[in-house]
Amino acid sequence: MTREARALPGCLLVTALLSAGGAAAQAPPAAPETLSLRPADASGSDQELPFGPDGPRLPMRRGRDAADSIGSPDPAPSEEPPAAPDAQGEFRLNLLAAQLRAQIGDLPEARARFEALRAARPESAEPLNGLAGVAQQTGRWRQALALYQDSLRLEPGDPSVTDVIAVIERAQASRLRADVEYRQLEGGTGAGRTSAVIAGLSGHQLLSNGWRLGLSLDLAHVDADRIQRANGAVESFSGLRQRGEIYGQHTGLDGQVLTGSLFLSGDTPGVGIRWERPDDRGTTFLRAEYRRPNWDFLQSIVEDGTRDRLALARSQRVGRDVSLRLEVAGNRYGIRGDGDVARSITVTGEARLAGLGGLRGLSTAYVLDGEYVLDRSERFNSGGARYAPLPILDREVHAVVLTYSGVWGNRIADGILAYEASGGYGIDRYGKAGPLVYAAVGYNRDNLEFRLRANYVQDIGRTRGTSSGYGASLTWVF
């Protein structure tokens, strides 16, 4: 039996030993850590054999023939040091751990793990792709683009990487957008039924090293059957208003964005500056504006309204599915001929839970929209009645909304349809309660993007009226 066992191929040797009778069956079983098996044609190098179809795998190492160990005492433990762990297997496990940290939203830990893997395996593109993904999620698009390009140098032609690069480059590419919007307000303070058609042209030119120049021009035609004017008269109005902005923007490799703007509202100039700083948990925003055109409500459009603002905001990610946003700002409102007709503090925020019910694209949010008037100019009209030239009111709207969004299609060259719909209910602590609805659909193909949108807010807007809006835009990406 011993000679027959030695003649068996290695893959059958274990089965033969386990099924044989006689002396082999009566011999004490060898411990797995000391069982030394070598096929007849083995060269002496360490190998592994399957121990049955689903059983453990036993190490094969130098030692006595299997038949020589049957019926003999257990051999002494090998004096050779244990084999080193599989370096490639360890790398794959560590890479998977880093990817899981990124997947659950622990981006600082994911970044640290990818950095360690990059240092350990500089010839591998996968840690670079992981670092690029973290940079992309945290708003550092220039850093992400550079890392993906480094990855392509290690693995030229990787289609997944080239696709992501194309997405980033398209999102940041130069573009020109034409927009038209219809707004309507009914029952607001200081106004009857008022409507406006707003046509706009905007775009930017991407320059080198993170620089871009942009502009926007808007022209509004307003019709009101009854609106309070700055002199206190309540009358009808029909006319044109315009505003414009020219800006320069720089985005650093670390994701910091600095934007400087020049504004024009009618014949009133203004300036603004905005700073954004992303990190692995979110983004901090700081904004200062002087006489920025303010078209948030229709009375301000009619009176060439402006707003000075100093604002501090923070967006924060909490894990994979929770995001928070809060902005606190001080405001000063002006109209033509008077740059200080009202002052206020605004507090806006949102807490959103994504992946609701395990359904991708479904989210719910609590929304806060508050404005607290600190001072408001009041005048007397020709009849001796007191009025405010800008009827801004206290508001503190608490709303809960449900949103669903999604995408059909995989490649822009073949066409991608994106859609979003949200609805909710809000309560104004200083006023009424009412529903709010928003919907949008967009279609992207090649270098064109088309978008339709609509919104409706009842009784909880800035003037406590019912407002609705419908818009369309066409964007050329070049």
Protein backbone atom coordinates (compact mmCIF):
# COMPACT_ATOMS: atom_id res chain seq x y z
CA MET A 1 0.00 0.00 0.00
CA THR A 2 2.82 2.30 0.78
CA ARG A 3 4.43 1.89 -2.64
CA GLU A 4 1.02 2.41 -4.34
CA ALA A 5 0.39 5.56 -2.36
CA ARG A 6 3.74 6.97 -3.39
CA ALA A 7 2.90 6.37 -7.01
CA LEU A 8 -0.37 8.38 -6.89
CA PRO A 9 -0.50 11.88 -8.25
CA GLY A 10 -0.37 14.55 -5.59
CA CYS A 11 -4.01 15.59 -6.04
CA LEU A 12 -5.19 12.08 -5.10
CA LEU A 13 -2.66 11.28 -2.42
CA VAL A 14 -4.65 12.61 0.53
CA THR A 15 -7.78 10.73 -0.52
CA ALA A 16 -5.83 7.51 -0.83
CA LEU A 17 -4.30 7.91 2.60
CA LEU A 18 -7.65 8.64 4.24
CA SER A 19 -9.50 5.77 2.58
CA ALA A 20 -6.82 3.05 2.93
CA GLY A 21 -7.25 0.31 5.56
CA GLY A 22 -4.71 -1.79 7.45
CA ALA A 23 -1.78 -0.21 9.20
CA ALA A 24 -2.46 3.22 7.79
CA ALA A 25 -5.98 3.29 9.19
CA GLN A 26 -4.76 2.26 12.63
CA ALA A 27 -1.92 4.75 12.79
CA PRO A 28 -2.41 7.83 14.95
CA PRO A 29 -3.52 10.75 12.77
CA ALA A 30 -0.91 13.36 12.07
CA ALA A 31 -1.64 16.86 13.33
CA PRO A 32 -2.45 19.29 10.50
CA GLU A 33 0.44 21.58 11.37
CA THR A 34 2.93 18.68 11.07
CA LEU A 35 1.44 16.66 8.22
CA SER A 36 4.02 16.79 5.46
CA LEU A 37 2.89 15.68 2.02
CA ARG A 38 4.90 15.81 -1.16
CA PRO A 39 3.72 14.50 -4.52
CA ALA A 40 5.87 12.01 -6.29
CA ASP A 41 6.86 14.58 -8.91
CA ALA A 42 7.32 17.47 -6.52
CA SER A 43 10.48 19.45 -6.72
CA GLY A 44 10.56 20.13 -3.03
CA SER A 45 9.01 23.60 -3.13
CA ASP A 46 6.16 24.50 -0.78
CA GLN A 47 2.69 23.88 -2.26
CA GLU A 48 -0.90 23.45 -1.14
CA LEU A 49 -3.35 20.63 -1.77
CA PRO A 50 -7.10 20.63 -1.25
CA PHE A 51 -8.19 18.54 1.73
CA GLY A 52 -11.44 17.30 0.22
CA PRO A 53 -13.72 19.50 -1.86
CA ASP A 54 -14.58 21.95 0.95
CA GLY A 55 -12.10 21.14 3.68
CA PRO A 56 -9.02 22.98 4.93
CA ARG A 57 -5.94 23.40 2.81
CA LEU A 58 -2.77 21.87 4.19
CA PRO A 59 0.66 23.36 3.64
CA MET A 60 3.11 21.23 1.69
CA ARG A 61 6.71 21.73 2.68
CA ARG A 62 9.98 19.83 2.66
CA GLY A 63 9.92 16.74 4.84
CA ARG A 64 9.54 13.01 4.82
CA ASP A 65 7.37 11.21 2.31
CA ALA A 66 3.77 10.80 3.37
CA ALA A 67 4.07 7.02 3.56
CA ASP A 68 7.09 7.27 5.82
CA SER A 69 5.06 9.26 8.35
CA ILE A 70 2.24 6.73 8.59
CA GLY A 71 2.37 4.72 11.77
CA SER A 72 5.36 6.64 13.11
CA PRO A 73 5.54 9.18 15.91
CA ASP A 74 4.74 12.79 15.15
CA PRO A 75 7.80 14.47 13.70
CA ALA A 76 9.47 17.27 15.57
CA PRO A 77 8.26 20.74 14.67
CA SER A 78 10.03 22.25 11.72
CA GLU A 79 12.84 24.62 12.61
CA GLU A 80 12.16 26.73 9.50
CA PRO A 81 10.51 30.10 10.17
CA PRO A 82 6.85 30.34 9.10
CA ALA A 83 6.24 31.54 5.57
CA ALA A 84 5.79 35.31 5.16
CA PRO A 85 2.19 36.46 4.67
CA ASP A 86 1.04 36.80 1.11
CA ALA A 87 2.00 40.41 0.35
CA GLN A 88 -0.46 40.74 -2.52
CA GLY A 89 -3.30 39.32 -0.44
CA GLU A 90 -2.51 41.70 2.41
CA PHE A 91 -2.46 44.63 -0.01
CA ARG A 92 -5.88 43.65 -1.40
CA LEU A 93 -7.35 43.39 2.09
CA ASN A 94 -5.98 46.78 3.10
CA LEU A 95 -7.25 48.30 -0.14
CA LEU A 96 -10.71 46.86 0.49
CA ALA A 97 -10.69 48.27 4.03
CA ALA A 98 -9.83 51.74 2.69
CA GLN A 99 -12.57 51.53 0.06
CA LEU A 100 -15.10 50.52 2.72
CA ARG A 101 -14.16 53.54 4.85
CA ALA A 102 -14.77 55.78 1.86
CA GLN A 103 -18.06 54.01 1.12
CA ILE A 104 -19.46 54.66 4.61
CA GLY A 105 -18.35 58.30 4.50
CA ASP A 106 -15.32 58.15 6.82
CA LEU A 107 -13.21 60.14 4.37
CA PRO A 108 -10.35 61.18 6.73
CA GLU A 109 -9.65 57.54 7.62
CA ALA A 110 -10.04 56.47 3.99
CA ARG A 111 -7.55 59.12 2.89
CA ALA A 112 -5.01 58.00 5.52
CA ARG A 113 -5.31 54.36 4.46
CA PHE A 114 -4.99 55.14 0.76
CA GLU A 115 -1.91 57.29 1.49
CA ALA A 116 -0.29 54.39 3.37
CA LEU A 117 -1.05 52.01 0.49
CA ARG A 118 0.36 54.48 -2.00
CA ALA A 119 3.61 54.68 -0.04
CA ALA A 120 3.81 50.88 0.24
CA ARG A 121 2.96 50.17 -3.41
CA PRO A 122 3.92 53.20 -5.52
CA GLU A 123 3.68 51.09 -8.68
CA SER A 124 -0.05 50.42 -8.13
CA ALA A 125 -2.73 52.70 -9.59
CA GLU A 126 -5.46 51.63 -7.17
CA PRO A 127 -4.39 53.74 -4.16
CA LEU A 128 -4.22 56.74 -6.51
CA ASN A 129 -7.76 56.05 -7.69
CA GLY A 130 -8.90 55.85 -4.07
CA LEU A 131 -7.26 59.17 -3.19
CA ALA A 132 -8.76 60.75 -6.31
CA GLY A 133 -12.22 59.53 -5.32
CA VAL A 134 -11.86 61.05 -1.85
CA ALA A 135 -10.68 64.34 -3.38
CA GLN A 136 -13.64 64.33 -5.75
CA GLN A 137 -16.14 63.72 -2.94
CA THR A 138 -14.70 66.60 -0.92
CA GLY A 139 -14.87 69.14 -3.76
CA ARG A 140 -11.18 69.15 -4.68
CA TRP A 141 -11.72 68.59 -8.38
CA ARG A 142 -8.29 69.80 -9.51
CA GLN A 143 -6.57 67.45 -7.07
CA ALA A 144 -8.82 64.58 -8.16
CA LEU A 145 -8.06 65.24 -11.82
CA ALA A 146 -4.29 65.27 -11.20
CA LEU A 147 -4.45 61.98 -9.25
CA TYR A 148 -6.53 60.26 -11.93
CA GLN A 149 -4.04 61.41 -14.56
CA ASP A 150 -1.18 59.97 -12.46
CA SER A 151 -3.15 56.72 -12.30
CA LEU A 152 -3.43 56.61 -16.09
CA ARG A 153 0.34 56.91 -16.38
CA LEU A 154 0.63 53.70 -14.35
CA GLU A 155 -2.22 51.91 -16.14
CA PRO A 156 -2.69 53.58 -19.53
CA GLY A 157 -6.11 53.26 -21.09
CA ASP A 158 -8.04 52.17 -17.98
CA PRO A 159 -11.63 52.84 -19.18
CA SER A 160 -13.07 53.46 -15.71
CA VAL A 161 -10.48 56.17 -15.03
CA THR A 162 -10.84 57.80 -18.44
CA ASP A 163 -14.63 57.93 -17.92
CA VAL A 164 -14.26 59.70 -14.55
CA ILE A 165 -11.77 62.17 -16.03
CA ALA A 166 -14.28 62.96 -18.78
CA VAL A 167 -17.01 63.59 -16.18
CA ILE A 168 -14.80 66.00 -14.19
CA GLU A 169 -13.62 67.85 -17.28
CA ARG A 170 -17.19 68.25 -18.52
CA ALA A 171 -18.42 69.53 -15.16
CA GLN A 172 -15.71 72.21 -15.13
CA ALA A 173 -15.69 73.01 -18.85
CA SER A 174 -16.46 76.40 -20.36
CA ARG A 175 -20.16 76.89 -21.05
CA LEU A 176 -22.84 79.31 -22.19
CA ARG A 177 -26.40 79.13 -20.88
CA ALA A 178 -29.63 80.75 -22.05
CA ASP A 179 -32.47 80.80 -19.53
CA VAL A 180 -36.09 81.92 -19.40
CA GLU A 181 -38.31 81.95 -16.30
CA TYR A 182 -41.88 82.94 -15.49
CA ARG A 183 -42.73 84.02 -11.92
CA GLN A 184 -46.12 84.82 -10.49
CA LEU A 185 -47.18 86.14 -7.08
CA GLU A 186 -50.71 86.41 -5.74
CA GLY A 187 -51.86 87.85 -2.43
CA GLY A 188 -48.48 88.99 -1.16
CA THR A 189 -48.02 91.94 1.19
CA GLY A 190 -47.98 95.18 -0.78
CA ALA A 191 -48.95 93.57 -4.09
CA GLY A 192 -51.86 92.13 -6.01
CA ARG A 193 -51.37 89.71 -8.85
CA THR A 194 -47.85 90.30 -10.15
CA SER A 195 -45.87 88.44 -12.78
CA ALA A 196 -42.43 88.64 -14.33
CA VAL A 197 -40.77 87.05 -17.34
CA ILE A 198 -37.01 86.88 -16.83
CA ALA A 199 -34.60 86.11 -19.66
CA GLY A 200 -30.97 85.46 -18.85
CA LEU A 201 -27.64 84.74 -20.48
CA SER A 202 -24.73 83.44 -18.42
CA GLY A 203 -21.53 81.48 -18.78
CA HIS A 204 -17.85 81.21 -18.02
CA GLN A 205 -14.57 80.63 -19.81
CA LEU A 206 -12.18 78.18 -18.18
CA LEU A 207 -8.60 79.43 -18.20
CA SER A 208 -5.40 77.73 -17.04
CA ASN A 209 -4.30 76.80 -13.50
CA GLY A 210 -7.79 76.84 -12.00
CA TRP A 211 -8.80 80.31 -13.22
CA ARG A 212 -12.06 81.20 -14.93
CA LEU A 213 -13.93 84.34 -15.99
CA GLY A 214 -17.71 84.51 -16.02
CA LEU A 215 -20.67 86.79 -16.57
CA SER A 216 -24.43 86.83 -16.23
CA LEU A 217 -27.02 89.22 -17.66
CA ASP A 218 -30.74 89.18 -16.80
CA LEU A 219 -33.64 91.16 -18.23
CA ALA A 220 -37.04 91.10 -16.49
CA HIS A 221 -40.38 92.30 -17.79
CA VAL A 222 -42.70 92.89 -14.82
CA ASP A 223 -46.49 93.30 -14.93
CA ALA A 224 -48.44 94.15 -11.78
CA ASP A 225 -52.09 95.08 -11.52
CA ARG A 226 -51.42 96.53 -8.06
CA ILE A 227 -48.09 97.05 -6.34
CA GLN A 228 -46.84 99.43 -3.67
CA ARG A 229 -44.14 101.73 -5.00
CA ALA A 230 -41.27 103.32 -3.09
CA ASN A 231 -43.24 106.60 -2.71
CA GLY A 232 -46.14 104.77 -1.06
CA ALA A 233 -48.49 104.88 -4.04
CA VAL A 234 -50.32 101.66 -4.87
CA GLU A 235 -50.63 101.43 -8.62
CA SER A 236 -50.22 99.20 -11.63
CA PHE A 237 -46.81 98.73 -13.20
CA SER A 238 -45.41 97.38 -16.44
CA GLY A 239 -41.77 97.76 -17.34
CA LEU A 240 -38.28 96.34 -17.82
CA ARG A 241 -35.52 95.86 -15.27
CA GLN A 242 -31.98 94.53 -15.74
CA ARG A 243 -29.04 93.32 -13.70
CA GLY A 244 -25.57 91.98 -14.43
CA GLU A 245 -22.48 90.39 -12.91
CA ILE A 246 -18.90 89.87 -14.05
CA TYR A 247 -16.66 87.65 -11.94
CA GLY A 248 -13.24 86.08 -11.75
CA GLN A 249 -12.67 82.84 -9.87
CA HIS A 250 -9.69 80.75 -8.83
CA THR A 251 -9.81 77.17 -7.57
CA GLY A 252 -6.69 75.85 -5.84
CA LEU A 253 -5.40 72.28 -5.83
CA ASP A 254 -6.59 72.02 -2.22
CA GLY A 255 -10.12 72.93 -3.34
CA GLN A 256 -10.20 76.46 -1.95
CA VAL A 257 -12.27 78.77 -4.15
CA LEU A 258 -11.94 82.55 -4.22
CA THR A 259 -14.39 84.60 -6.32
CA GLY A 260 -14.51 88.33 -6.88
CA SER A 261 -17.56 89.95 -8.54
CA LEU A 262 -18.71 93.26 -9.96
CA PHE A 263 -22.50 93.85 -9.92
CA LEU A 264 -24.84 96.23 -11.67
CA SER A 265 -28.51 96.76 -10.75
CA GLY A 266 -30.06 99.40 -12.99
CA ASP A 267 -27.43 102.13 -12.69
CA THR A 268 -26.25 101.04 -9.19
CA PRO A 269 -22.84 99.27 -9.09
CA GLY A 270 -21.73 96.81 -6.44
CA VAL A 271 -18.96 94.37 -5.51
CA GLY A 272 -18.69 91.00 -3.83
CA ILE A 273 -16.20 88.39 -2.67
CA ARG A 274 -16.77 84.73 -1.81
CA TRP A 275 -14.42 82.17 -0.26
CA GLU A 276 -14.93 78.41 0.04
CA ARG A 277 -12.71 75.97 1.89
CA PRO A 278 -13.46 72.22 1.66
CA ASP A 279 -12.17 69.59 4.05
CA ASP A 280 -12.78 65.88 4.57
CA ARG A 281 -15.96 66.56 6.57
CA GLY A 282 -17.59 69.35 4.57
CA THR A 283 -17.11 72.91 3.32
CA THR A 284 -16.92 76.33 4.99
CA PHE A 285 -18.21 79.39 3.12
CA LEU A 286 -17.63 83.09 3.75
CA ARG A 287 -19.32 85.75 1.64
CA ALA A 288 -19.32 89.55 1.65
CA GLU A 289 -21.43 91.57 -0.81
CA TYR A 290 -22.14 95.25 -1.30
CA ARG A 291 -25.15 96.30 -3.37
CA ARG A 292 -25.73 92.97 -5.02
CA PRO A 293 -28.90 92.99 -7.17
CA ASN A 294 -31.72 91.47 -5.13
CA TRP A 295 -34.50 89.80 -7.12
CA ASP A 296 -35.71 87.49 -4.37
CA PHE A 297 -39.18 89.09 -4.45
CA LEU A 298 -41.00 91.11 -7.08
CA GLN A 299 -41.16 94.46 -5.26
CA SER A 300 -37.39 94.45 -5.13
CA ILE A 301 -37.21 93.84 -8.89
CA VAL A 302 -39.50 96.81 -9.59
CA GLU A 303 -37.50 99.17 -7.34
CA ASP A 304 -34.02 98.03 -8.55
CA GLY A 305 -33.42 96.55 -5.12
CA THR A 306 -29.97 95.67 -3.74
CA ARG A 307 -28.69 93.79 -0.72
CA ASP A 308 -25.51 94.08 1.33
CA ARG A 309 -24.64 90.82 3.06
CA LEU A 310 -22.02 89.26 5.31
CA ALA A 311 -22.60 85.51 5.59
CA LEU A 312 -20.91 82.51 7.15
CA ALA A 313 -22.02 79.00 6.19
CA ARG A 314 -21.01 75.41 6.76
CA SER A 315 -22.02 72.19 5.03
CA GLN A 316 -21.20 68.97 6.87
CA ARG A 317 -21.30 65.28 5.98
CA VAL A 318 -22.17 62.87 8.77
CA GLY A 319 -21.43 59.39 7.51
CA ARG A 320 -22.66 58.28 4.12
CA ASP A 321 -26.33 59.27 4.21
CA VAL A 322 -26.63 62.33 6.45
CA SER A 323 -25.73 65.89 5.43
CA LEU A 324 -26.16 69.16 7.30
CA ARG A 325 -26.06 72.78 6.18
CA LEU A 326 -26.33 76.04 8.13
CA GLU A 327 -25.91 79.69 7.10
CA VAL A 328 -26.13 82.80 9.25
CA ALA A 329 -26.07 86.21 7.57
CA GLY A 330 -26.52 89.88 8.30
CA ASN A 331 -28.36 91.84 5.59
CA ARG A 332 -29.02 95.43 4.62
CA TYR A 333 -31.58 96.10 1.89
CA GLY A 334 -31.70 99.05 -0.45
CA ILE A 335 -33.80 100.39 -3.30
CA ARG A 336 -33.14 102.99 -5.97
CA GLY A 337 -32.16 106.21 -4.22
CA ASP A 338 -31.92 104.72 -0.71
CA GLY A 339 -29.34 102.09 0.19
CA ASP A 340 -30.68 101.39 3.70
CA VAL A 341 -34.42 100.69 3.93
CA ALA A 342 -34.27 97.51 6.05
CA ARG A 343 -31.87 95.37 8.05
CA SER A 344 -32.22 91.76 9.08
CA ILE A 345 -30.54 88.54 10.15
CA THR A 346 -31.22 85.38 8.15
CA VAL A 347 -30.75 81.82 9.38
CA THR A 348 -31.18 79.02 6.88
CA GLY A 349 -30.41 75.35 7.30
CA GLU A 350 -31.10 71.82 6.23
CA ALA A 351 -30.68 68.33 7.68
CA ARG A 352 -31.04 65.65 5.00
CA LEU A 353 -31.19 61.87 5.23
CA ALA A 354 -30.46 60.07 1.96
CA GLY A 355 -31.09 56.46 1.00
CA LEU A 356 -34.45 56.52 2.75
CA GLY A 357 -35.83 53.02 3.17
CA GLY A 358 -32.77 51.66 1.41
CA LEU A 359 -33.93 53.23 -1.86
CA ARG A 360 -31.23 55.07 -3.75
CA GLY A 361 -32.28 58.57 -4.77
CA LEU A 362 -34.97 58.92 -2.09
CA SER A 363 -34.26 61.40 0.70
CA THR A 364 -36.06 63.45 3.29
CA ALA A 365 -35.04 66.76 4.82
CA TYR A 366 -35.94 69.23 7.51
CA VAL A 367 -35.56 72.78 6.17
CA LEU A 368 -35.33 76.03 8.12
CA ASP A 369 -35.81 79.40 6.39
CA GLY A 370 -35.77 82.26 8.86
CA GLU A 371 -35.43 86.02 8.55
CA TYR A 372 -35.68 88.38 11.49
CA VAL A 373 -36.12 92.08 10.77
CA LEU A 374 -33.93 94.29 12.96
CA ASP A 375 -34.88 97.64 11.48
CA ARG A 376 -37.20 98.79 8.70
CA SER A 377 -37.65 102.30 7.34
CA GLU A 378 -41.16 103.69 7.42
CA ARG A 379 -42.51 106.72 5.61
CA PHE A 380 -45.79 108.55 5.13
CA ASN A 381 -47.54 108.62 1.79
CA SER A 382 -49.41 111.57 0.33
CA GLY A 383 -52.50 110.64 2.33
CA GLY A 384 -50.61 110.59 5.62
CA ALA A 385 -50.66 106.81 5.99
CA ARG A 386 -47.55 105.03 7.26
CA TYR A 387 -45.91 102.49 4.96
CA ALA A 388 -42.62 100.62 4.49
CA PRO A 389 -40.89 101.24 1.13
CA LEU A 390 -39.78 97.60 1.14
CA PRO A 391 -42.39 95.35 2.80
CA ILE A 392 -39.97 92.82 4.25
CA LEU A 393 -41.45 90.70 7.07
CA ASP A 394 -40.28 88.39 9.83
CA ARG A 395 -40.52 84.75 8.87
CA GLU A 396 -39.46 81.45 10.36
CA VAL A 397 -40.52 78.60 8.12
CA HIS A 398 -40.05 75.03 9.31
CA ALA A 399 -40.65 72.51 6.54
CA VAL A 400 -40.30 68.80 5.94
CA VAL A 401 -39.75 67.68 2.34
CA LEU A 402 -39.46 64.37 0.53
CA THR A 403 -37.23 64.24 -2.56
CA TYR A 404 -36.63 61.63 -5.23
CA SER A 405 -34.00 62.01 -7.93
CA GLY A 406 -32.43 59.72 -10.46
CA VAL A 407 -30.69 59.31 -13.79
CA TRP A 408 -31.49 57.24 -16.88
CA GLY A 409 -28.57 56.45 -19.14
CA ASN A 410 -24.86 55.85 -18.72
CA ARG A 411 -23.07 57.85 -21.41
CA ILE A 412 -23.52 61.48 -22.38
CA ALA A 413 -22.80 60.56 -25.99
CA ASP A 414 -25.94 58.39 -25.96
CA GLY A 415 -28.00 60.84 -23.90
CA ILE A 416 -28.67 61.05 -20.15
CA LEU A 417 -32.01 61.95 -18.59
CA ALA A 418 -31.88 63.34 -15.04
CA TYR A 419 -34.94 64.10 -12.94
CA GLU A 420 -35.84 65.37 -9.48
CA ALA A 421 -39.13 65.89 -7.67
CA SER A 422 -39.77 67.08 -4.13
CA GLY A 423 -42.78 68.01 -2.09
CA GLY A 424 -43.40 69.00 1.47
CA TYR A 425 -45.26 71.13 3.95
CA GLY A 426 -44.06 74.18 5.85
CA ILE A 427 -45.23 76.22 8.81
CA ASP A 428 -44.29 79.87 9.30
CA ARG A 429 -44.12 80.74 12.99
CA TYR A 430 -45.08 84.33 12.13
CA GLY A 431 -47.69 83.54 9.49
CA LYS A 432 -49.48 80.69 7.81
CA ALA A 433 -48.77 77.13 6.76
CA GLY A 434 -48.81 75.64 3.30
CA PRO A 435 -47.38 73.16 0.81
CA LEU A 436 -44.31 73.53 -1.38
CA VAL A 437 -43.49 71.56 -4.53
CA TYR A 438 -40.51 71.49 -6.88
CA ALA A 439 -39.76 69.41 -9.97
CA ALA A 440 -37.04 69.42 -12.62
CA VAL A 441 -36.01 67.28 -15.56
CA GLY A 442 -32.89 67.59 -17.69
CA TYR A 443 -31.49 65.93 -20.78
CA ASN A 444 -27.78 65.93 -21.62
CA ARG A 445 -26.31 64.77 -24.89
CA ASP A 446 -22.92 65.52 -26.39
CA ASN A 447 -22.23 69.20 -25.65
CA LEU A 448 -25.83 70.32 -25.03
CA GLU A 449 -27.90 70.32 -21.83
CA PHE A 450 -31.63 71.08 -21.71
CA ARG A 451 -33.54 71.57 -18.45
CA LEU A 452 -37.14 72.27 -17.38
CA ARG A 453 -38.18 73.21 -13.84
CA ALA A 454 -41.25 74.28 -11.87
CA ASN A 455 -42.02 75.30 -8.28
CA TYR A 456 -45.00 76.25 -6.14
CA VAL A 457 -45.09 77.74 -2.62
CA GLN A 458 -48.34 78.60 -0.87
CA ASP A 459 -48.57 81.22 1.91
CA ILE A 460 -45.05 80.70 3.32
CA GLY A 461 -42.96 82.84 0.97
CA ARG A 462 -41.16 86.09 1.68
CA THR A 463 -44.34 88.16 1.30
CA ARG A 464 -46.75 85.48 2.64
CA GLY A 465 -48.42 85.14 -0.71
CA THR A 466 -48.68 82.25 -3.14
CA SER A 467 -45.85 82.09 -5.65
CA SER A 468 -45.19 79.84 -8.59
CA GLY A 469 -42.49 79.65 -11.21
CA TYR A 470 -41.65 77.81 -14.41
CA GLY A 471 -38.34 77.85 -16.23
CA ALA A 472 -36.30 76.36 -19.05
CA SER A 473 -32.62 76.54 -19.92
CA LEU A 474 -30.31 75.44 -22.72
CA THR A 475 -26.58 75.10 -22.05
CA TRP A 476 -23.77 74.71 -24.57
CA VAL A 477 -20.63 73.09 -23.14
CA PHE A 478 -17.42 73.79 -25.04
